[in-house]
Amino acid sequence: MKTRTIAAAAVAALALATASGVIADQRMGGKMGKGRRVPMMAFPPAEKAGLQDATGHANVDVKRGTVYLTVTLAKGTSLPQGTVLEGWLTTAGISTASERDQKYGPAFGKEDVAMKSRQIPYALSTGLLRRVGSSRTYAGRFKIDNALTPYGGVAVTLESDGNKGIYDPRPGTPLMGGMIKSNLMKSKMTMSGTM
C-alpha cells in the first residue's frame, strides 16, 4: 500500500510540475501545439542538482506520435554522478480514464485499483536522453504507433538510479517540462478547479 501511495505521489508530482509549463505557454500567446516546438522550463527541484539554468525544448507531432527532446546544460555544469535524463509524456494532471476503454473489465483487472488509478495522472517514458558527442546537449527521440492526443505535457526527469539493473521505472526528479496542449489544460483547470 505504501509503495502505491509513493508511486501515485511521484507521478502526480511530475504531472503537476509539468503543469507549470502553462505559464510559459501563456507568455508565448498559447501557440504551442502539435507538430510544434514546445519550450520547457526548469522546475524548482533542478536547483538541488545545480541544473536550474539548463534549457530545453521538445518537437512534438501529436498525429504522427513523435517526440524529439533536447536539453542543454549551462556552461560549467554537468549531470550528477550516475544520473541520467529520461523523457516523459504526461497527462499533465488530467485524468484521462474512460469507461469506454474498460468495457470488458476494469483496468489492472481489479476495480479498486482501477478507481485509484483514475485519480492520478499518467506518465509514459519516451526513453533516455543521450549526450550529443562531447557537448553539453542531451537528446532523445521517441516514436509510437499511436496519436499522442491524450498527452498534455512533456517533461524530462533526473534518474538518480541511472536506470541500471532493476531500476525504478517510474518518473524520477522533475528537471523541466512544458505544455503540448494549453487549451486542453485551461479548459480542464476551469472545469475541475485544480492545479
C-alpha atoms as a PDB file:
ATOM      1  CA  MET A   1       0.000   0.000   0.000  1.00  0.00           C
ATOM      2  CA  LYS A   2       2.842   2.393   0.902  1.00  0.00           C
ATOM      3  CA  THR A   3       4.529   1.665  -2.455  1.00  0.00           C
ATOM      4  CA  ARG A   4       1.323   2.517  -4.358  1.00  0.00           C
ATOM      5  CA  THR A   5       0.963   5.756  -2.421  1.00  0.00           C
ATOM      6  CA  ILE A   6       4.563   6.730  -3.176  1.00  0.00           C
ATOM      7  CA  ALA A   7       4.118   5.811  -6.859  1.00  0.00           C
ATOM      8  CA  ALA A   8       0.932   7.864  -7.094  1.00  0.00           C
ATOM      9  CA  ALA A   9       2.641  10.823  -5.422  1.00  0.00           C
ATOM     10  CA  ALA A  10       5.643  10.617  -7.787  1.00  0.00           C
ATOM     11  CA  VAL A  11       3.517  10.592 -10.952  1.00  0.00           C
ATOM     12  CA  ALA A  12       1.286  13.343  -9.571  1.00  0.00           C
ATOM     13  CA  ALA A  13       4.341  15.475  -8.729  1.00  0.00           C
ATOM     14  CA  LEU A  14       5.705  15.030 -12.255  1.00  0.00           C
ATOM     15  CA  ALA A  15       2.380  15.967 -13.818  1.00  0.00           C
ATOM     16  CA  LEU A  16       1.887  18.965 -11.553  1.00  0.00           C
ATOM     17  CA  ALA A  17       5.410  20.103 -12.284  1.00  0.00           C
ATOM     18  CA  THR A  18       4.658  19.789 -16.000  1.00  0.00           C
ATOM     19  CA  ALA A  19       1.533  21.877 -15.487  1.00  0.00           C
ATOM     20  CA  SER A  20       3.728  24.839 -14.561  1.00  0.00           C
ATOM     21  CA  GLY A  21       4.515  24.958 -18.285  1.00  0.00           C
ATOM     22  CA  VAL A  22       1.129  26.675 -18.637  1.00  0.00           C
ATOM     23  CA  ILE A  23       2.909  29.851 -17.536  1.00  0.00           C
ATOM     24  CA  ALA A  24       5.428  29.516 -20.363  1.00  0.00           C
ATOM     25  CA  ASP A  25       2.628  28.824 -22.833  1.00  0.00           C
ATOM     26  CA  GLN A  26       0.688  31.894 -21.731  1.00  0.00           C
ATOM     27  CA  ARG A  27       3.828  34.020 -22.184  1.00  0.00           C
ATOM     28  CA  MET A  28       4.088  32.715 -25.756  1.00  0.00           C
ATOM     29  CA  GLY A  29       0.467  33.524 -26.523  1.00  0.00           C
ATOM     30  CA  GLY A  30      -0.753  29.906 -26.384  1.00  0.00           C
ATOM     31  CA  LYS A  31       0.907  28.994 -29.683  1.00  0.00           C
ATOM     32  CA  MET A  32       2.293  25.608 -28.675  1.00  0.00           C
ATOM     33  CA  GLY A  33       0.682  22.575 -30.204  1.00  0.00           C
ATOM     34  CA  LYS A  34       1.012  19.524 -32.411  1.00  0.00           C
ATOM     35  CA  GLY A  35       3.930  19.472 -34.797  1.00  0.00           C
ATOM     36  CA  ARG A  36       5.363  22.414 -32.948  1.00  0.00           C
ATOM     37  CA  ARG A  37       8.335  23.297 -30.799  1.00  0.00           C
ATOM     38  CA  VAL A  38       7.422  23.163 -27.101  1.00  0.00           C
ATOM     39  CA  PRO A  39       9.772  25.170 -24.855  1.00  0.00           C
ATOM     40  CA  MET A  40      10.481  23.578 -21.476  1.00  0.00           C
ATOM     41  CA  MET A  41      11.096  25.462 -18.246  1.00  0.00           C
ATOM     42  CA  ALA A  42      13.252  24.222 -15.376  1.00  0.00           C
ATOM     43  CA  PHE A  43      11.361  23.081 -12.277  1.00  0.00           C
ATOM     44  CA  PRO A  44      12.422  24.020  -8.715  1.00  0.00           C
ATOM     45  CA  PRO A  45      13.986  20.576  -7.977  1.00  0.00           C
ATOM     46  CA  ALA A  46      16.557  21.286 -10.744  1.00  0.00           C
ATOM     47  CA  GLU A  47      18.276  23.722  -8.383  1.00  0.00           C
ATOM     48  CA  LYS A  48      19.120  20.967  -5.895  1.00  0.00           C
ATOM     49  CA  ALA A  49      21.098  19.247  -8.676  1.00  0.00           C
ATOM     50  CA  GLY A  50      22.683  22.539  -9.800  1.00  0.00           C
ATOM     51  CA  LEU A  51      20.832  22.398 -13.125  1.00  0.00           C
ATOM     52  CA  GLN A  52      18.394  25.300 -12.748  1.00  0.00           C
ATOM     53  CA  ASP A  53      19.939  27.088 -15.749  1.00  0.00           C
ATOM     54  CA  ALA A  54      19.505  24.156 -18.129  1.00  0.00           C
ATOM     55  CA  THR A  55      17.385  24.887 -21.202  1.00  0.00           C
ATOM     56  CA  GLY A  56      15.300  22.566 -23.313  1.00  0.00           C
ATOM     57  CA  HIS A  57      12.566  22.049 -25.823  1.00  0.00           C
ATOM     58  CA  ALA A  58      10.556  19.279 -27.419  1.00  0.00           C
ATOM     59  CA  ASN A  59       9.418  18.960 -31.010  1.00  0.00           C
ATOM     60  CA  VAL A  60       6.113  17.123 -30.791  1.00  0.00           C
ATOM     61  CA  ASP A  61       3.952  15.816 -33.621  1.00  0.00           C
ATOM     62  CA  VAL A  62       0.743  14.612 -31.996  1.00  0.00           C
ATOM     63  CA  LYS A  63      -0.697  12.974 -35.129  1.00  0.00           C
ATOM     64  CA  ARG A  64       2.490  11.107 -36.072  1.00  0.00           C
ATOM     65  CA  GLY A  65       3.282  10.092 -32.488  1.00  0.00           C
ATOM     66  CA  THR A  66       6.789  11.557 -32.441  1.00  0.00           C
ATOM     67  CA  VAL A  67       8.722  13.466 -29.797  1.00  0.00           C
ATOM     68  CA  TYR A  68      12.248  14.867 -30.112  1.00  0.00           C
ATOM     69  CA  LEU A  69      13.613  16.136 -26.792  1.00  0.00           C
ATOM     70  CA  THR A  70      16.658  18.368 -26.386  1.00  0.00           C
ATOM     71  CA  VAL A  71      18.215  19.557 -23.112  1.00  0.00           C
ATOM     72  CA  THR A  72      21.305  21.765 -22.932  1.00  0.00           C
ATOM     73  CA  LEU A  73      23.115  22.141 -19.628  1.00  0.00           C
ATOM     74  CA  ALA A  74      24.517  25.543 -18.661  1.00  0.00           C
ATOM     75  CA  LYS A  75      28.235  26.112 -19.144  1.00  0.00           C
ATOM     76  CA  GLY A  76      30.235  24.681 -16.244  1.00  0.00           C
ATOM     77  CA  THR A  77      27.517  22.248 -15.142  1.00  0.00           C
ATOM     78  CA  SER A  78      27.123  18.509 -15.572  1.00  0.00           C
ATOM     79  CA  LEU A  79      24.733  15.774 -14.566  1.00  0.00           C
ATOM     80  CA  PRO A  80      25.240  14.476 -11.032  1.00  0.00           C
ATOM     81  CA  GLN A  81      27.398  11.308 -10.891  1.00  0.00           C
ATOM     82  CA  GLY A  82      25.463   8.219 -12.033  1.00  0.00           C
ATOM     83  CA  THR A  83      22.369  10.220 -13.050  1.00  0.00           C
ATOM     84  CA  VAL A  84      20.685  10.003 -16.459  1.00  0.00           C
ATOM     85  CA  LEU A  85      17.975  12.078 -18.142  1.00  0.00           C
ATOM     86  CA  GLU A  86      14.679  10.466 -19.146  1.00  0.00           C
ATOM     87  CA  GLY A  87      11.886  11.979 -21.226  1.00  0.00           C
ATOM     88  CA  TRP A  88       8.180  11.657 -20.462  1.00  0.00           C
ATOM     89  CA  LEU A  89       4.796  12.391 -21.947  1.00  0.00           C
ATOM     90  CA  THR A  90       2.243  13.167 -19.240  1.00  0.00           C
ATOM     91  CA  THR A  91      -1.453  13.740 -18.983  1.00  0.00           C
ATOM     92  CA  ALA A  92      -0.392  16.883 -17.080  1.00  0.00           C
ATOM     93  CA  GLY A  93      -2.549  16.327 -14.016  1.00  0.00           C
ATOM     94  CA  ILE A  94      -5.620  15.444 -16.045  1.00  0.00           C
ATOM     95  CA  SER A  95      -7.215  12.047 -15.556  1.00  0.00           C
ATOM     96  CA  THR A  96      -7.952  10.517 -18.950  1.00  0.00           C
ATOM     97  CA  ALA A  97      -9.625   7.385 -17.568  1.00  0.00           C
ATOM     98  CA  SER A  98     -12.505   6.302 -19.757  1.00  0.00           C
ATOM     99  CA  GLU A  99     -15.380   3.924 -19.140  1.00  0.00           C
ATOM    100  CA  ARG A 100     -15.362   3.273 -22.913  1.00  0.00           C
ATOM    101  CA  ASP A 101     -11.877   1.772 -22.583  1.00  0.00           C
ATOM    102  CA  GLN A 102     -12.937  -0.613 -19.810  1.00  0.00           C
ATOM    103  CA  LYS A 103     -15.968  -2.189 -21.462  1.00  0.00           C
ATOM    104  CA  TYR A 104     -14.700  -5.737 -20.812  1.00  0.00           C
ATOM    105  CA  GLY A 105     -13.462  -5.220 -17.280  1.00  0.00           C
ATOM    106  CA  PRO A 106     -11.628  -2.785 -15.011  1.00  0.00           C
ATOM    107  CA  ALA A 107      -8.068  -1.636 -15.641  1.00  0.00           C
ATOM    108  CA  PHE A 108      -5.478  -3.852 -13.922  1.00  0.00           C
ATOM    109  CA  GLY A 109      -8.210  -6.498 -13.518  1.00  0.00           C
ATOM    110  CA  LYS A 110      -9.353  -5.040 -10.180  1.00  0.00           C
ATOM    111  CA  GLU A 111     -11.990  -2.374  -9.632  1.00  0.00           C
ATOM    112  CA  ASP A 112     -10.362  -0.870  -6.521  1.00  0.00           C
ATOM    113  CA  VAL A 113      -7.013  -0.468  -8.329  1.00  0.00           C
ATOM    114  CA  ALA A 114      -8.803   0.934 -11.396  1.00  0.00           C
ATOM    115  CA  MET A 115     -10.589   3.524  -9.236  1.00  0.00           C
ATOM    116  CA  LYS A 116      -7.314   4.644  -7.618  1.00  0.00           C
ATOM    117  CA  SER A 117      -5.548   4.833 -10.985  1.00  0.00           C
ATOM    118  CA  ARG A 118      -8.225   7.190 -12.325  1.00  0.00           C
ATOM    119  CA  GLN A 119      -7.297   9.734  -9.678  1.00  0.00           C
ATOM    120  CA  ILE A 120      -3.671  10.124 -10.736  1.00  0.00           C
ATOM    121  CA  PRO A 121      -2.133  11.418 -13.959  1.00  0.00           C
ATOM    122  CA  TYR A 122      -0.332   9.071 -16.313  1.00  0.00           C
ATOM    123  CA  ALA A 123       3.292   9.309 -17.462  1.00  0.00           C
ATOM    124  CA  LEU A 124       4.723   7.458 -20.481  1.00  0.00           C
ATOM    125  CA  SER A 125       8.502   7.211 -20.785  1.00  0.00           C
ATOM    126  CA  THR A 126       9.993   8.373 -24.070  1.00  0.00           C
ATOM    127  CA  GLY A 127      13.333   6.838 -23.096  1.00  0.00           C
ATOM    128  CA  LEU A 128      16.755   8.125 -22.113  1.00  0.00           C
ATOM    129  CA  LEU A 129      18.306  11.282 -23.500  1.00  0.00           C
ATOM    130  CA  ARG A 130      21.854  10.648 -24.742  1.00  0.00           C
ATOM    131  CA  ARG A 131      24.737  13.078 -24.739  1.00  0.00           C
ATOM    132  CA  VAL A 132      25.464  14.514 -28.180  1.00  0.00           C
ATOM    133  CA  GLY A 133      29.205  13.998 -28.641  1.00  0.00           C
ATOM    134  CA  SER A 134      31.189  15.897 -26.030  1.00  0.00           C
ATOM    135  CA  SER A 135      28.724  18.803 -25.929  1.00  0.00           C
ATOM    136  CA  ARG A 136      26.504  19.893 -23.033  1.00  0.00           C
ATOM    137  CA  THR A 137      23.442  18.806 -25.051  1.00  0.00           C
ATOM    138  CA  TYR A 138      21.392  15.665 -24.469  1.00  0.00           C
ATOM    139  CA  ALA A 139      18.796  14.463 -26.956  1.00  0.00           C
ATOM    140  CA  GLY A 140      16.214  11.728 -27.309  1.00  0.00           C
ATOM    141  CA  ARG A 141      13.787  10.519 -29.959  1.00  0.00           C
ATOM    142  CA  PHE A 142      10.513   8.706 -29.423  1.00  0.00           C
ATOM    143  CA  LYS A 143       8.006   7.226 -31.860  1.00  0.00           C
ATOM    144  CA  ILE A 144       4.834   5.311 -31.080  1.00  0.00           C
ATOM    145  CA  ASP A 145       2.290   3.865 -33.494  1.00  0.00           C
ATOM    146  CA  ASN A 146      -0.462   5.865 -31.871  1.00  0.00           C
ATOM    147  CA  ALA A 147      -1.526   9.512 -31.781  1.00  0.00           C
ATOM    148  CA  LEU A 148      -0.373  11.461 -28.727  1.00  0.00           C
ATOM    149  CA  THR A 149      -3.793  13.079 -28.211  1.00  0.00           C
ATOM    150  CA  PRO A 150      -4.209  12.067 -24.520  1.00  0.00           C
ATOM    151  CA  TYR A 151      -0.933  13.749 -23.515  1.00  0.00           C
ATOM    152  CA  GLY A 152      -0.923  17.397 -22.497  1.00  0.00           C
ATOM    153  CA  GLY A 153       2.652  17.783 -21.309  1.00  0.00           C
ATOM    154  CA  VAL A 154       6.225  16.761 -21.912  1.00  0.00           C
ATOM    155  CA  ALA A 155       8.891  16.550 -19.212  1.00  0.00           C
ATOM    156  CA  VAL A 156      12.458  15.468 -18.505  1.00  0.00           C
ATOM    157  CA  THR A 157      13.445  13.844 -15.211  1.00  0.00           C
ATOM    158  CA  LEU A 158      16.715  13.192 -13.417  1.00  0.00           C
ATOM    159  CA  GLU A 159      17.004   9.446 -12.807  1.00  0.00           C
ATOM    160  CA  SER A 160      19.439   9.183  -9.904  1.00  0.00           C
ATOM    161  CA  ASP A 161      19.441   5.354 -10.040  1.00  0.00           C
ATOM    162  CA  GLY A 162      20.944   5.623 -13.540  1.00  0.00           C
ATOM    163  CA  ASN A 163      18.216   3.300 -14.875  1.00  0.00           C
ATOM    164  CA  LYS A 164      20.614   0.387 -14.361  1.00  0.00           C
ATOM    165  CA  GLY A 165      19.924  -3.096 -13.050  1.00  0.00           C
ATOM    166  CA  ILE A 166      16.465  -3.423 -11.531  1.00  0.00           C
ATOM    167  CA  TYR A 167      15.714   0.308 -11.647  1.00  0.00           C
ATOM    168  CA  ASP A 168      12.529   2.145 -10.701  1.00  0.00           C
ATOM    169  CA  PRO A 169      10.586   2.572 -13.984  1.00  0.00           C
ATOM    170  CA  ARG A 170       8.500   5.448 -12.598  1.00  0.00           C
ATOM    171  CA  PRO A 171       9.499   9.098 -13.094  1.00  0.00           C
ATOM    172  CA  GLY A 172      12.455  10.405 -11.080  1.00  0.00           C
ATOM    173  CA  THR A 173      13.010  14.020 -10.024  1.00  0.00           C
ATOM    174  CA  PRO A 174      11.405  16.505 -12.456  1.00  0.00           C
ATOM    175  CA  LEU A 175      14.052  18.661 -14.187  1.00  0.00           C
ATOM    176  CA  MET A 176      11.950  20.576 -16.717  1.00  0.00           C
ATOM    177  CA  GLY A 177       8.754  20.449 -18.734  1.00  0.00           C
ATOM    178  CA  GLY A 178       6.292  22.231 -20.980  1.00  0.00           C
ATOM    179  CA  MET A 179       2.720  22.048 -22.212  1.00  0.00           C
ATOM    180  CA  ILE A 180       1.780  20.460 -25.526  1.00  0.00           C
ATOM    181  CA  LYS A 181      -1.907  21.347 -25.293  1.00  0.00           C
ATOM    182  CA  SER A 182      -2.552  24.581 -23.460  1.00  0.00           C
ATOM    183  CA  ASN A 183      -6.204  24.860 -24.483  1.00  0.00           C
ATOM    184  CA  LEU A 184      -7.000  21.401 -23.069  1.00  0.00           C
ATOM    185  CA  MET A 185      -5.222  22.275 -19.829  1.00  0.00           C
ATOM    186  CA  LYS A 186      -7.021  25.618 -19.456  1.00  0.00           C
ATOM    187  CA  SER A 187     -10.455  24.042 -20.011  1.00  0.00           C
ATOM    188  CA  LYS A 188      -9.743  21.177 -17.597  1.00  0.00           C
ATOM    189  CA  MET A 189      -8.423  23.601 -14.982  1.00  0.00           C
ATOM    190  CA  THR A 190     -11.593  25.688 -15.310  1.00  0.00           C
ATOM    191  CA  MET A 191     -13.828  22.628 -15.030  1.00  0.00           C
ATOM    192  CA  SER A 192     -12.013  20.953 -12.149  1.00  0.00           C
ATOM    193  CA  GLY A 193     -10.671  23.982 -10.298  1.00  0.00           C
ATOM    194  CA  THR A 194      -7.435  22.103  -9.664  1.00  0.00           C
ATOM    195  CA  MET A 195      -3.760  22.591 -10.481  1.00  0.00           C
END
